[in-house]
Amino acid sequence: MSSPVSVNILGKEYQISCPEGEKEALISSAKLLNDNMEQIRSTGKVVGLDRIAVMAALNIAHDLIDFENTEGGGLASVNKSILLMKDKVSAFLEEDRQLEL
């Protein structure tokens, strides 16, 4: 079920429909965006709400890509290790079942 969530970005309030389970993530995302936009606006180098929003979106996208290329790259290795452990546990359990028969 969706319900409206009120978020504030650069002093302007927005009502956004959001599933209940994602409310906190939406609020956190809005805070991240607001903080990024405030930081850009405070430099005085970028004028206009639309330009500030585009710069903030580019900054956040860059951070995400950078994370995926550095931190996220290790995630594939962790997933592979988990799958190997799962296979070992499954093999052990299967071997144990055969011994019981």
PDB file of N, CA and C in Angstrom:
ATOM      1  N   MET A   1       0.838  -1.175   0.000  1.00  0.00           N
ATOM      2  CA  MET A   1       0.000   0.000   0.000  1.00  0.00           C
ATOM      3  C   MET A   1       0.885   1.241   0.000  1.00  0.00           C
ATOM      4  N   SER A   2       0.544   2.207  -0.809  1.00  0.00           N
ATOM      5  CA  SER A   2       1.311   3.447  -0.906  1.00  0.00           C
ATOM      6  C   SER A   2       0.660   4.535  -0.081  1.00  0.00           C
ATOM      7  N   SER A   3       1.520   5.412   0.432  1.00  0.00           N
ATOM      8  CA  SER A   3       1.021   6.576   1.147  1.00  0.00           C
ATOM      9  C   SER A   3       1.920   7.755   0.802  1.00  0.00           C
ATOM     10  N   PRO A   4       1.366   8.973   0.860  1.00  0.00           N
ATOM     11  CA  PRO A   4       2.187  10.131   0.523  1.00  0.00           C
ATOM     12  C   PRO A   4       3.207  10.430   1.623  1.00  0.00           C
ATOM     13  N   VAL A   5       4.412  10.775   1.183  1.00  0.00           N
ATOM     14  CA  VAL A   5       5.483  11.144   2.103  1.00  0.00           C
ATOM     15  C   VAL A   5       5.905  12.554   1.729  1.00  0.00           C
ATOM     16  N   SER A   6       6.054  13.392   2.738  1.00  0.00           N
ATOM     17  CA  SER A   6       6.463  14.768   2.519  1.00  0.00           C
ATOM     18  C   SER A   6       7.971  14.885   2.697  1.00  0.00           C
ATOM     19  N   VAL A   7       8.654  15.397   1.661  1.00  0.00           N
ATOM     20  CA  VAL A   7      10.092  15.636   1.746  1.00  0.00           C
ATOM     21  C   VAL A   7      10.362  17.087   1.376  1.00  0.00           C
ATOM     22  N   ASN A   8      11.447  17.623   1.919  1.00  0.00           N
ATOM     23  CA  ASN A   8      11.808  19.008   1.681  1.00  0.00           C
ATOM     24  C   ASN A   8      13.147  19.058   0.958  1.00  0.00           C
ATOM     25  N   ILE A   9      13.152  19.694  -0.215  1.00  0.00           N
ATOM     26  CA  ILE A   9      14.380  19.825  -1.000  1.00  0.00           C
ATOM     27  C   ILE A   9      14.551  21.291  -1.358  1.00  0.00           C
ATOM     28  N   LEU A  10      15.655  21.873  -0.908  1.00  0.00           N
ATOM     29  CA  LEU A  10      15.969  23.291  -1.098  1.00  0.00           C
ATOM     30  C   LEU A  10      14.811  24.194  -0.692  1.00  0.00           C
ATOM     31  N   GLY A  11      14.224  23.877   0.459  1.00  0.00           N
ATOM     32  CA  GLY A  11      13.159  24.711   1.006  1.00  0.00           C
ATOM     33  C   GLY A  11      11.801  24.520   0.367  1.00  0.00           C
ATOM     34  N   LYS A  12      11.685  23.618  -0.557  1.00  0.00           N
ATOM     35  CA  LYS A  12      10.407  23.374  -1.213  1.00  0.00           C
ATOM     36  C   LYS A  12       9.911  21.987  -0.818  1.00  0.00           C
ATOM     37  N   GLU A  13       8.638  21.909  -0.447  1.00  0.00           N
ATOM     38  CA  GLU A  13       8.060  20.648   0.003  1.00  0.00           C
ATOM     39  C   GLU A  13       7.461  19.883  -1.174  1.00  0.00           C
ATOM     40  N   TYR A  14       7.742  18.587  -1.191  1.00  0.00           N
ATOM     41  CA  TYR A  14       7.218  17.689  -2.225  1.00  0.00           C
ATOM     42  C   TYR A  14       6.476  16.543  -1.556  1.00  0.00           C
ATOM     43  N   GLN A  15       5.299  16.200  -2.096  1.00  0.00           N
ATOM     44  CA  GLN A  15       4.535  15.043  -1.650  1.00  0.00           C
ATOM     45  C   GLN A  15       4.791  13.924  -2.646  1.00  0.00           C
ATOM     46  N   ILE A  16       5.345  12.809  -2.157  1.00  0.00           N
ATOM     47  CA  ILE A  16       5.690  11.706  -3.042  1.00  0.00           C
ATOM     48  C   ILE A  16       5.019  10.438  -2.541  1.00  0.00           C
ATOM     49  N   SER A  17       4.333   9.742  -3.435  1.00  0.00           N
ATOM     50  CA  SER A  17       3.693   8.484  -3.083  1.00  0.00           C
ATOM     51  C   SER A  17       4.760   7.397  -2.990  1.00  0.00           C
ATOM     52  N   CYS A  18       4.675   6.609  -1.903  1.00  0.00           N
ATOM     53  CA  CYS A  18       5.737   5.646  -1.642  1.00  0.00           C
ATOM     54  C   CYS A  18       5.167   4.442  -0.885  1.00  0.00           C
ATOM     55  N   PRO A  19       5.590   3.212  -1.240  1.00  0.00           N
ATOM     56  CA  PRO A  19       5.177   2.040  -0.465  1.00  0.00           C
ATOM     57  C   PRO A  19       5.675   2.166   0.984  1.00  0.00           C
ATOM     58  N   GLU A  20       4.896   1.664   1.921  1.00  0.00           N
ATOM     59  CA  GLU A  20       5.230   1.787   3.348  1.00  0.00           C
ATOM     60  C   GLU A  20       6.640   1.298   3.663  1.00  0.00           C
ATOM     61  N   GLY A  21       7.034   0.178   3.095  1.00  0.00           N
ATOM     62  CA  GLY A  21       8.333  -0.399   3.405  1.00  0.00           C
ATOM     63  C   GLY A  21       9.516   0.396   2.869  1.00  0.00           C
ATOM     64  N   GLU A  22       9.262   1.384   2.020  1.00  0.00           N
ATOM     65  CA  GLU A  22      10.343   2.156   1.411  1.00  0.00           C
ATOM     66  C   GLU A  22      10.378   3.604   1.885  1.00  0.00           C
ATOM     67  N   LYS A  23       9.563   3.919   2.882  1.00  0.00           N
ATOM     68  CA  LYS A  23       9.452   5.304   3.363  1.00  0.00           C
ATOM     69  C   LYS A  23      10.791   5.844   3.875  1.00  0.00           C
ATOM     70  N   GLU A  24      11.472   5.079   4.710  1.00  0.00           N
ATOM     71  CA  GLU A  24      12.750   5.543   5.277  1.00  0.00           C
ATOM     72  C   GLU A  24      13.801   5.735   4.192  1.00  0.00           C
ATOM     73  N   ALA A  25      13.821   4.846   3.198  1.00  0.00           N
ATOM     74  CA  ALA A  25      14.777   4.976   2.100  1.00  0.00           C
ATOM     75  C   ALA A  25      14.494   6.235   1.286  1.00  0.00           C
ATOM     76  N   LEU A  26      13.222   6.544   1.073  1.00  0.00           N
ATOM     77  CA  LEU A  26      12.855   7.756   0.335  1.00  0.00           C
ATOM     78  C   LEU A  26      13.302   8.995   1.098  1.00  0.00           C
ATOM     79  N   ILE A  27      13.055   9.015   2.399  1.00  0.00           N
ATOM     80  CA  ILE A  27      13.446  10.161   3.228  1.00  0.00           C
ATOM     81  C   ILE A  27      14.968  10.327   3.214  1.00  0.00           C
ATOM     82  N   SER A  28      15.701   9.223   3.314  1.00  0.00           N
ATOM     83  CA  SER A  28      17.166   9.274   3.269  1.00  0.00           C
ATOM     84  C   SER A  28      17.655   9.767   1.909  1.00  0.00           C
ATOM     85  N   SER A  29      17.006   9.298   0.846  1.00  0.00           N
ATOM     86  CA  SER A  29      17.380   9.731  -0.507  1.00  0.00           C
ATOM     87  C   SER A  29      17.134  11.220  -0.688  1.00  0.00           C
ATOM     88  N   ALA A  30      16.007  11.689  -0.196  1.00  0.00           N
ATOM     89  CA  ALA A  30      15.690  13.115  -0.304  1.00  0.00           C
ATOM     90  C   ALA A  30      16.690  13.954   0.493  1.00  0.00           C
ATOM     91  N   LYS A  31      17.098  13.459   1.656  1.00  0.00           N
ATOM     92  CA  LYS A  31      18.084  14.188   2.461  1.00  0.00           C
ATOM     93  C   LYS A  31      19.429  14.239   1.745  1.00  0.00           C
ATOM     94  N   LEU A  32      19.839  13.119   1.151  1.00  0.00           N
ATOM     95  CA  LEU A  32      21.085  13.082   0.391  1.00  0.00           C
ATOM     96  C   LEU A  32      21.038  14.082  -0.763  1.00  0.00           C
ATOM     97  N   LEU A  33      19.935  14.084  -1.503  1.00  0.00           N
ATOM     98  CA  LEU A  33      19.773  15.011  -2.619  1.00  0.00           C
ATOM     99  C   LEU A  33      19.778  16.457  -2.126  1.00  0.00           C
ATOM    100  N   ASN A  34      19.026  16.736  -1.065  1.00  0.00           N
ATOM    101  CA  ASN A  34      18.967  18.093  -0.524  1.00  0.00           C
ATOM    102  C   ASN A  34      20.353  18.563  -0.083  1.00  0.00           C
ATOM    103  N   ASP A  35      21.077  17.719   0.639  1.00  0.00           N
ATOM    104  CA  ASP A  35      22.414  18.091   1.110  1.00  0.00           C
ATOM    105  C   ASP A  35      23.349  18.374  -0.060  1.00  0.00           C
ATOM    106  N   ASN A  36      23.276  17.529  -1.094  1.00  0.00           N
ATOM    107  CA  ASN A  36      24.115  17.712  -2.270  1.00  0.00           C
ATOM    108  C   ASN A  36      23.766  19.018  -2.988  1.00  0.00           C
ATOM    109  N   MET A  37      22.481  19.284  -3.139  1.00  0.00           N
ATOM    110  CA  MET A  37      22.045  20.510  -3.808  1.00  0.00           C
ATOM    111  C   MET A  37      22.413  21.749  -2.990  1.00  0.00           C
ATOM    112  N   GLU A  38      22.277  21.667  -1.674  1.00  0.00           N
ATOM    113  CA  GLU A  38      22.665  22.790  -0.801  1.00  0.00           C
ATOM    114  C   GLU A  38      24.149  23.089  -0.947  1.00  0.00           C
ATOM    115  N   GLN A  39      24.953  22.031  -0.999  1.00  0.00           N
ATOM    116  CA  GLN A  39      26.396  22.195  -1.133  1.00  0.00           C
ATOM    117  C   GLN A  39      26.737  22.875  -2.465  1.00  0.00           C
ATOM    118  N   ILE A  40      26.094  22.461  -3.534  1.00  0.00           N
ATOM    119  CA  ILE A  40      26.339  23.058  -4.853  1.00  0.00           C
ATOM    120  C   ILE A  40      25.902  24.520  -4.857  1.00  0.00           C
ATOM    121  N   ARG A  41      24.738  24.782  -4.289  1.00  0.00           N
ATOM    122  CA  ARG A  41      24.219  26.161  -4.258  1.00  0.00           C
ATOM    123  C   ARG A  41      25.125  27.073  -3.440  1.00  0.00           C
ATOM    124  N   SER A  42      25.704  26.539  -2.358  1.00  0.00           N
ATOM    125  CA  SER A  42      26.545  27.364  -1.485  1.00  0.00           C
ATOM    126  C   SER A  42      27.847  27.810  -2.146  1.00  0.00           C
ATOM    127  N   THR A  43      28.283  27.089  -3.205  1.00  0.00           N
ATOM    128  CA  THR A  43      29.506  27.499  -3.891  1.00  0.00           C
ATOM    129  C   THR A  43      29.281  28.775  -4.697  1.00  0.00           C
ATOM    130  N   GLY A  44      28.037  29.020  -5.108  1.00  0.00           N
ATOM    131  CA  GLY A  44      27.717  30.198  -5.893  1.00  0.00           C
ATOM    132  C   GLY A  44      28.128  30.077  -7.352  1.00  0.00           C
ATOM    133  N   LYS A  45      28.692  28.952  -7.731  1.00  0.00           N
ATOM    134  CA  LYS A  45      29.163  28.769  -9.103  1.00  0.00           C
ATOM    135  C   LYS A  45      28.055  28.322 -10.047  1.00  0.00           C
ATOM    136  N   VAL A  46      27.015  27.695  -9.500  1.00  0.00           N
ATOM    137  CA  VAL A  46      25.920  27.188 -10.330  1.00  0.00           C
ATOM    138  C   VAL A  46      24.655  27.940  -9.949  1.00  0.00           C
ATOM    139  N   VAL A  47      24.006  28.531 -10.954  1.00  0.00           N
ATOM    140  CA  VAL A  47      22.810  29.330 -10.713  1.00  0.00           C
ATOM    141  C   VAL A  47      21.620  28.644 -11.383  1.00  0.00           C
ATOM    142  N   GLY A  48      20.511  28.642 -10.704  1.00  0.00           N
ATOM    143  CA  GLY A  48      19.295  28.063 -11.259  1.00  0.00           C
ATOM    144  C   GLY A  48      19.030  26.683 -10.688  1.00  0.00           C
ATOM    145  N   LEU A  49      17.792  26.497 -10.240  1.00  0.00           N
ATOM    146  CA  LEU A  49      17.404  25.243  -9.598  1.00  0.00           C
ATOM    147  C   LEU A  49      17.611  24.046 -10.513  1.00  0.00           C
ATOM    148  N   ASP A  50      17.268  24.189 -11.792  1.00  0.00           N
ATOM    149  CA  ASP A  50      17.421  23.054 -12.705  1.00  0.00           C
ATOM    150  C   ASP A  50      18.888  22.676 -12.892  1.00  0.00           C
ATOM    151  N   ARG A  51      19.771  23.640 -12.973  1.00  0.00           N
ATOM    152  CA  ARG A  51      21.203  23.353 -13.119  1.00  0.00           C
ATOM    153  C   ARG A  51      21.764  22.730 -11.841  1.00  0.00           C
ATOM    154  N   ILE A  52      21.314  23.214 -10.699  1.00  0.00           N
ATOM    155  CA  ILE A  52      21.752  22.637  -9.418  1.00  0.00           C
ATOM    156  C   ILE A  52      21.292  21.183  -9.325  1.00  0.00           C
ATOM    157  N   ALA A  53      20.049  20.924  -9.743  1.00  0.00           N
ATOM    158  CA  ALA A  53      19.515  19.564  -9.699  1.00  0.00           C
ATOM    159  C   ALA A  53      20.301  18.638 -10.622  1.00  0.00           C
ATOM    160  N   VAL A  54      20.648  19.109 -11.814  1.00  0.00           N
ATOM    161  CA  VAL A  54      21.412  18.287 -12.756  1.00  0.00           C
ATOM    162  C   VAL A  54      22.801  18.007 -12.187  1.00  0.00           C
ATOM    163  N   MET A  55      23.456  19.011 -11.625  1.00  0.00           N
ATOM    164  CA  MET A  55      24.785  18.813 -11.044  1.00  0.00           C
ATOM    165  C   MET A  55      24.723  17.823  -9.880  1.00  0.00           C
ATOM    166  N   ALA A  56      23.692  17.934  -9.042  1.00  0.00           N
ATOM    167  CA  ALA A  56      23.536  17.004  -7.918  1.00  0.00           C
ATOM    168  C   ALA A  56      23.312  15.585  -8.428  1.00  0.00           C
ATOM    169  N   ALA A  57      22.476  15.445  -9.453  1.00  0.00           N
ATOM    170  CA  ALA A  57      22.218  14.111 -10.030  1.00  0.00           C
ATOM    171  C   ALA A  57      23.509  13.526 -10.597  1.00  0.00           C
ATOM    172  N   LEU A  58      24.300  14.346 -11.276  1.00  0.00           N
ATOM    173  CA  LEU A  58      25.570  13.869 -11.823  1.00  0.00           C
ATOM    174  C   LEU A  58      26.529  13.463 -10.705  1.00  0.00           C
ATOM    175  N   ASN A  59      26.589  14.252  -9.630  1.00  0.00           N
ATOM    176  CA  ASN A  59      27.455  13.913  -8.500  1.00  0.00           C
ATOM    177  C   ASN A  59      27.057  12.585  -7.864  1.00  0.00           C
ATOM    178  N   ILE A  60      25.756  12.401  -7.659  1.00  0.00           N
ATOM    179  CA  ILE A  60      25.272  11.174  -7.027  1.00  0.00           C
ATOM    180  C   ILE A  60      25.496   9.979  -7.952  1.00  0.00           C
ATOM    181  N   ALA A  61      25.245  10.154  -9.252  1.00  0.00           N
ATOM    182  CA  ALA A  61      25.484   9.068 -10.221  1.00  0.00           C
ATOM    183  C   ALA A  61      26.969   8.705 -10.260  1.00  0.00           C
ATOM    184  N   HIS A  62      27.826   9.711 -10.228  1.00  0.00           N
ATOM    185  CA  HIS A  62      29.270   9.467 -10.217  1.00  0.00           C
ATOM    186  C   HIS A  62      29.670   8.680  -8.974  1.00  0.00           C
ATOM    187  N   ASP A  63      29.139   9.077  -7.812  1.00  0.00           N
ATOM    188  CA  ASP A  63      29.443   8.353  -6.570  1.00  0.00           C
ATOM    189  C   ASP A  63      28.992   6.901  -6.654  1.00  0.00           C
ATOM    190  N   LEU A  64      27.820   6.659  -7.234  1.00  0.00           N
ATOM    191  CA  LEU A  64      27.305   5.298  -7.373  1.00  0.00           C
ATOM    192  C   LEU A  64      28.197   4.472  -8.291  1.00  0.00           C
ATOM    193  N   ILE A  65      28.572   5.026  -9.428  1.00  0.00           N
ATOM    194  CA  ILE A  65      29.436   4.300 -10.367  1.00  0.00           C
ATOM    195  C   ILE A  65      30.798   4.038  -9.741  1.00  0.00           C
ATOM    196  N   ASP A  66      31.332   5.030  -9.041  1.00  0.00           N
ATOM    197  CA  ASP A  66      32.618   4.863  -8.366  1.00  0.00           C
ATOM    198  C   ASP A  66      32.531   3.757  -7.318  1.00  0.00           C
ATOM    199  N   PHE A  67      31.443   3.723  -6.561  1.00  0.00           N
ATOM    200  CA  PHE A  67      31.231   2.684  -5.551  1.00  0.00           C
ATOM    201  C   PHE A  67      31.148   1.306  -6.196  1.00  0.00           C
ATOM    202  N   GLU A  68      30.385   1.216  -7.282  1.00  0.00           N
ATOM    203  CA  GLU A  68      30.241  -0.074  -7.962  1.00  0.00           C
ATOM    204  C   GLU A  68      31.577  -0.568  -8.509  1.00  0.00           C
ATOM    205  N   ASN A  69      32.409   0.353  -8.985  1.00  0.00           N
ATOM    206  CA  ASN A  69      33.696  -0.031  -9.563  1.00  0.00           C
ATOM    207  C   ASN A  69      34.734  -0.389  -8.505  1.00  0.00           C
ATOM    208  N   THR A  70      34.603   0.154  -7.300  1.00  0.00           N
ATOM    209  CA  THR A  70      35.586  -0.141  -6.252  1.00  0.00           C
ATOM    210  C   THR A  70      35.013  -1.091  -5.221  1.00  0.00           C
ATOM    211  N   GLU A  71      34.093  -0.609  -4.425  1.00  0.00           N
ATOM    212  CA  GLU A  71      33.497  -1.403  -3.350  1.00  0.00           C
ATOM    213  C   GLU A  71      32.651  -2.542  -3.903  1.00  0.00           C
ATOM    214  N   GLY A  72      31.800  -2.222  -4.875  1.00  0.00           N
ATOM    215  CA  GLY A  72      30.881  -3.210  -5.432  1.00  0.00           C
ATOM    216  C   GLY A  72      31.586  -4.334  -6.155  1.00  0.00           C
ATOM    217  N   GLY A  73      32.798  -4.075  -6.646  1.00  0.00           N
ATOM    218  CA  GLY A  73      33.550  -5.115  -7.314  1.00  0.00           C
ATOM    219  C   GLY A  73      33.847  -6.263  -6.383  1.00  0.00           C
ATOM    220  N   GLY A  74      34.061  -5.953  -5.116  1.00  0.00           N
ATOM    221  CA  GLY A  74      34.300  -6.980  -4.111  1.00  0.00           C
ATOM    222  C   GLY A  74      33.047  -7.777  -3.799  1.00  0.00           C
ATOM    223  N   LEU A  75      31.897  -7.220  -4.112  1.00  0.00           N
ATOM    224  CA  LEU A  75      30.633  -7.892  -3.844  1.00  0.00           C
ATOM    225  C   LEU A  75      30.520  -9.178  -4.653  1.00  0.00           C
ATOM    226  N   ALA A  76      30.990  -9.170  -5.873  1.00  0.00           N
ATOM    227  CA  ALA A  76      30.947 -10.376  -6.701  1.00  0.00           C
ATOM    228  C   ALA A  76      31.782 -11.479  -6.058  1.00  0.00           C
ATOM    229  N   SER A  77      32.918 -11.105  -5.493  1.00  0.00           N
ATOM    230  CA  SER A  77      33.781 -12.069  -4.826  1.00  0.00           C
ATOM    231  C   SER A  77      33.102 -12.647  -3.584  1.00  0.00           C
ATOM    232  N   VAL A  78      32.424 -11.794  -2.830  1.00  0.00           N
ATOM    233  CA  VAL A  78      31.696 -12.253  -1.643  1.00  0.00           C
ATOM    234  C   VAL A  78      30.579 -13.203  -2.050  1.00  0.00           C
ATOM    235  N   ASN A  79      29.838 -12.847  -3.094  1.00  0.00           N
ATOM    236  CA  ASN A  79      28.757 -13.721  -3.572  1.00  0.00           C
ATOM    237  C   ASN A  79      29.293 -15.078  -4.002  1.00  0.00           C
ATOM    238  N   LYS A  80      30.428 -15.090  -4.672  1.00  0.00           N
ATOM    239  CA  LYS A  80      31.037 -16.342  -5.116  1.00  0.00           C
ATOM    240  C   LYS A  80      31.420 -17.202  -3.913  1.00  0.00           C
ATOM    241  N   SER A  81      31.987 -16.572  -2.881  1.00  0.00           N
ATOM    242  CA  SER A  81      32.366 -17.298  -1.662  1.00  0.00           C
ATOM    243  C   SER A  81      31.146 -17.890  -0.970  1.00  0.00           C
ATOM    244  N   ILE A  82      30.072 -17.127  -0.926  1.00  0.00           N
ATOM    245  CA  ILE A  82      28.839 -17.611  -0.300  1.00  0.00           C
ATOM    246  C   ILE A  82      28.300 -18.820  -1.056  1.00  0.00           C
ATOM    247  N   LEU A  83      28.310 -18.755  -2.384  1.00  0.00           N
ATOM    248  CA  LEU A  83      27.829 -19.892  -3.195  1.00  0.00           C
ATOM    249  C   LEU A  83      28.708 -21.132  -2.981  1.00  0.00           C
ATOM    250  N   LEU A  84      30.020 -20.938  -2.867  1.00  0.00           N
ATOM    251  CA  LEU A  84      30.911 -22.065  -2.591  1.00  0.00           C
ATOM    252  C   LEU A  84      30.599 -22.698  -1.239  1.00  0.00           C
ATOM    253  N   MET A  85      30.390 -21.857  -0.213  1.00  0.00           N
ATOM    254  CA  MET A  85      30.047 -22.377   1.118  1.00  0.00           C
ATOM    255  C   MET A  85      28.720 -23.120   1.082  1.00  0.00           C
ATOM    256  N   LYS A  86      27.753 -22.577   0.337  1.00  0.00           N
ATOM    257  CA  LYS A  86      26.449 -23.224   0.222  1.00  0.00           C
ATOM    258  C   LYS A  86      26.602 -24.607  -0.401  1.00  0.00           C
ATOM    259  N   ASP A  87      27.420 -24.701  -1.446  1.00  0.00           N
ATOM    260  CA  ASP A  87      27.648 -25.990  -2.106  1.00  0.00           C
ATOM    261  C   ASP A  87      28.297 -26.985  -1.147  1.00  0.00           C
ATOM    262  N   LYS A  88      29.268 -26.512  -0.350  1.00  0.00           N
ATOM    263  CA  LYS A  88      29.942 -27.391   0.604  1.00  0.00           C
ATOM    264  C   LYS A  88      28.971 -27.885   1.679  1.00  0.00           C
ATOM    265  N   VAL A  89      28.131 -26.984   2.183  1.00  0.00           N
ATOM    266  CA  VAL A  89      27.148 -27.369   3.205  1.00  0.00           C
ATOM    267  C   VAL A  89      26.150 -28.360   2.615  1.00  0.00           C
ATOM    268  N   SER A  90      25.687 -28.086   1.396  1.00  0.00           N
ATOM    269  CA  SER A  90      24.739 -28.995   0.733  1.00  0.00           C
ATOM    270  C   SER A  90      25.364 -30.377   0.535  1.00  0.00           C
ATOM    271  N   ALA A  91      26.626 -30.404   0.105  1.00  0.00           N
ATOM    272  CA  ALA A  91      27.313 -31.687  -0.098  1.00  0.00           C
ATOM    273  C   ALA A  91      27.456 -32.423   1.227  1.00  0.00           C
ATOM    274  N   PHE A  92      27.782 -31.706   2.294  1.00  0.00           N
ATOM    275  CA  PHE A  92      27.927 -32.321   3.605  1.00  0.00           C
ATOM    276  C   PHE A  92      26.597 -32.903   4.071  1.00  0.00           C
ATOM    277  N   LEU A  93      25.523 -32.128   3.920  1.00  0.00           N
ATOM    278  CA  LEU A  93      24.208 -32.600   4.348  1.00  0.00           C
ATOM    279  C   LEU A  93      23.777 -33.813   3.531  1.00  0.00           C
ATOM    280  N   GLU A  94      24.056 -33.788   2.251  1.00  0.00           N
ATOM    281  CA  GLU A  94      23.713 -34.919   1.388  1.00  0.00           C
ATOM    282  C   GLU A  94      24.504 -36.166   1.809  1.00  0.00           C
ATOM    283  N   GLU A  95      25.768 -35.988   2.112  1.00  0.00           N
ATOM    284  CA  GLU A  95      26.617 -37.094   2.559  1.00  0.00           C
ATOM    285  C   GLU A  95      26.104 -37.658   3.892  1.00  0.00           C
ATOM    286  N   ASP A  96      25.682 -36.767   4.777  1.00  0.00           N
ATOM    287  CA  ASP A  96      25.160 -37.178   6.079  1.00  0.00           C
ATOM    288  C   ASP A  96      23.876 -37.985   5.911  1.00  0.00           C
ATOM    289  N   ARG A  97      23.010 -37.578   4.987  1.00  0.00           N
ATOM    290  CA  ARG A  97      21.764 -38.291   4.719  1.00  0.00           C
ATOM    291  C   ARG A  97      22.049 -39.691   4.192  1.00  0.00           C
ATOM    292  N   GLN A  98      23.045 -39.830   3.364  1.00  0.00           N
ATOM    293  CA  GLN A  98      23.394 -41.125   2.807  1.00  0.00           C
ATOM    294  C   GLN A  98      23.906 -42.046   3.880  1.00  0.00           C
ATOM    295  N   LEU A  99      24.631 -41.497   4.878  1.00  0.00           N
ATOM    296  CA  LEU A  99      25.142 -42.313   5.968  1.00  0.00           C
ATOM    297  C   LEU A  99      24.010 -42.850   6.849  1.00  0.00           C
ATOM    298  N   GLU A 100      22.951 -42.054   7.007  1.00  0.00           N
ATOM    299  CA  GLU A 100      21.825 -42.456   7.835  1.00  0.00           C
ATOM    300  C   GLU A 100      21.049 -43.608   7.198  1.00  0.00           C
ATOM    301  N   LEU A 101      21.033 -43.704   5.892  1.00  0.00           N
ATOM    302  CA  LEU A 101      20.281 -44.754   5.213  1.00  0.00           C
ATOM    303  C   LEU A 101      20.988 -46.046   5.411  1.00  0.00           C
TER     304      LEU A 101
END
